[in-house]
Each structure stands twice: as C-alpha cells, then as structure tokens.
Amino acid sequence: MKHVETELTYYKRLEKIGAELTKAVLAVQQLVDLQAEDDGLWFIAATAPESYLQAALRKLHAEVERVSALTREFQKAGGK
C-alpha cells in the first residue's frame, strides 16, 4: 500500500525544510559579509577581467542580500 503523508507530517517536514533553508541563507550571508570587508576583493580593477569579476561578485552579493531580506521577512511572518 502506498504511504499517504498526513497533513501534520507534511507541515512538520515543511517546517524542517524552512529551518534548514534559513540556516543555509544565514551562513551564505555571513560569507558575503566577510567578503564585503575584504579589501583584496574590492580594489580598483586594472584590467577588463578584474572588472568583469568584480561586477559578477557585486551581482552575487546583491542577490544574496535580496534572499537574506526575504528570509528575514519570512521569519517575521511566523516562518521558522
């Protein structure tokens, strides 16, 4: 017989996934914060490849900031 997940089990599983996702987002945000303080990553680019790399890094940091903000809003709304 096929296992049918109860609604309570389903919501507990979602809660666990939400908690793990929140931990992961916070860990990534900590890495981004450390990188933001690293002068070696934010120097004035002298070459096109350096400039391209810095632009990509800034885009990545912006996206992590966006996801972190969404995670904080989720937590405020009662998410775990």
Protein backbone atom coordinates (compact mmCIF):
# COMPACT_ATOMS: atom_id res chain seq x y z
CA MET A 1 0.00 0.00 0.00
CA LYS A 2 1.29 3.43 -0.93
CA HIS A 3 2.25 5.66 2.01
CA VAL A 4 -0.02 8.67 2.35
CA GLU A 5 1.57 11.54 4.20
CA THR A 6 -0.69 13.11 6.78
CA GLU A 7 -1.21 16.87 6.73
CA LEU A 8 0.57 17.22 10.08
CA THR A 9 3.58 15.23 8.86
CA TYR A 10 3.65 17.32 5.71
CA TYR A 11 3.69 20.60 7.64
CA LYS A 12 6.35 19.33 10.04
CA ARG A 13 8.50 18.38 7.07
CA LEU A 14 7.98 21.83 5.51
CA GLU A 15 8.89 23.45 8.82
CA LYS A 16 12.12 21.44 8.98
CA ILE A 17 13.00 22.35 5.40
CA GLY A 18 12.26 26.02 6.14
CA ALA A 19 14.54 25.94 9.19
CA GLU A 20 17.37 24.33 7.22
CA LEU A 21 16.93 26.80 4.38
CA THR A 22 17.05 29.70 6.82
CA LYS A 23 20.28 28.35 8.34
CA ALA A 24 21.80 27.99 4.89
CA VAL A 25 20.84 31.53 3.87
CA LEU A 26 22.30 32.94 7.09
CA ALA A 27 25.56 31.03 6.52
CA VAL A 28 25.84 32.38 2.97
CA GLN A 29 25.08 35.90 4.24
CA GLN A 30 27.93 35.59 6.75
CA LEU A 31 30.31 34.67 3.92
CA VAL A 32 29.12 37.64 1.88
CA ASP A 33 29.62 39.93 4.87
CA LEU A 34 33.19 38.67 5.29
CA GLN A 35 33.90 39.20 1.59
CA ALA A 36 32.45 42.71 1.76
CA GLU A 37 35.10 43.59 4.35
CA ASP A 38 37.97 42.09 2.33
CA ASP A 39 39.82 44.96 0.62
CA GLY A 40 41.57 42.43 -1.60
CA LEU A 41 38.28 41.80 -3.40
CA TRP A 42 37.18 45.42 -3.85
CA PHE A 43 40.28 47.12 -5.28
CA ILE A 44 40.09 49.36 -8.34
CA ALA A 45 40.21 46.97 -11.27
CA ALA A 46 43.20 47.47 -13.57
CA THR A 47 42.16 45.02 -16.27
CA ALA A 48 38.96 44.05 -18.03
CA PRO A 49 38.91 40.55 -16.49
CA GLU A 50 39.29 42.02 -12.98
CA SER A 51 36.48 44.48 -13.70
CA TYR A 52 34.26 41.67 -15.03
CA LEU A 53 34.96 39.53 -11.96
CA GLN A 54 34.18 42.38 -9.58
CA ALA A 55 30.92 43.16 -11.41
CA ALA A 56 29.89 39.50 -11.16
CA LEU A 57 30.80 39.42 -7.46
CA ARG A 58 28.71 42.55 -6.83
CA LYS A 59 25.73 40.95 -8.60
CA LEU A 60 26.12 37.82 -6.49
CA HIS A 61 26.32 39.87 -3.29
CA ALA A 62 23.19 41.81 -4.28
CA GLU A 63 21.27 38.58 -4.87
CA VAL A 64 22.39 37.13 -1.54
CA GLU A 65 21.25 40.35 0.17
CA ARG A 66 17.85 40.01 -1.56
CA VAL A 67 17.43 36.39 -0.46
CA SER A 68 18.52 37.29 3.08
CA ALA A 69 15.93 40.07 3.22
CA LEU A 70 13.22 37.67 2.03
CA THR A 71 14.30 35.16 4.68
CA ARG A 72 14.03 37.81 7.41
CA GLU A 73 10.54 38.72 6.18
CA PHE A 74 9.57 35.04 6.21
CA GLN A 75 10.78 34.73 9.80
CA LYS A 76 8.87 37.87 10.85
CA ALA A 77 5.74 36.42 9.28
CA GLY A 78 6.00 33.37 11.52
CA GLY A 79 8.22 31.11 9.47
CA LYS A 80 10.85 29.14 11.33
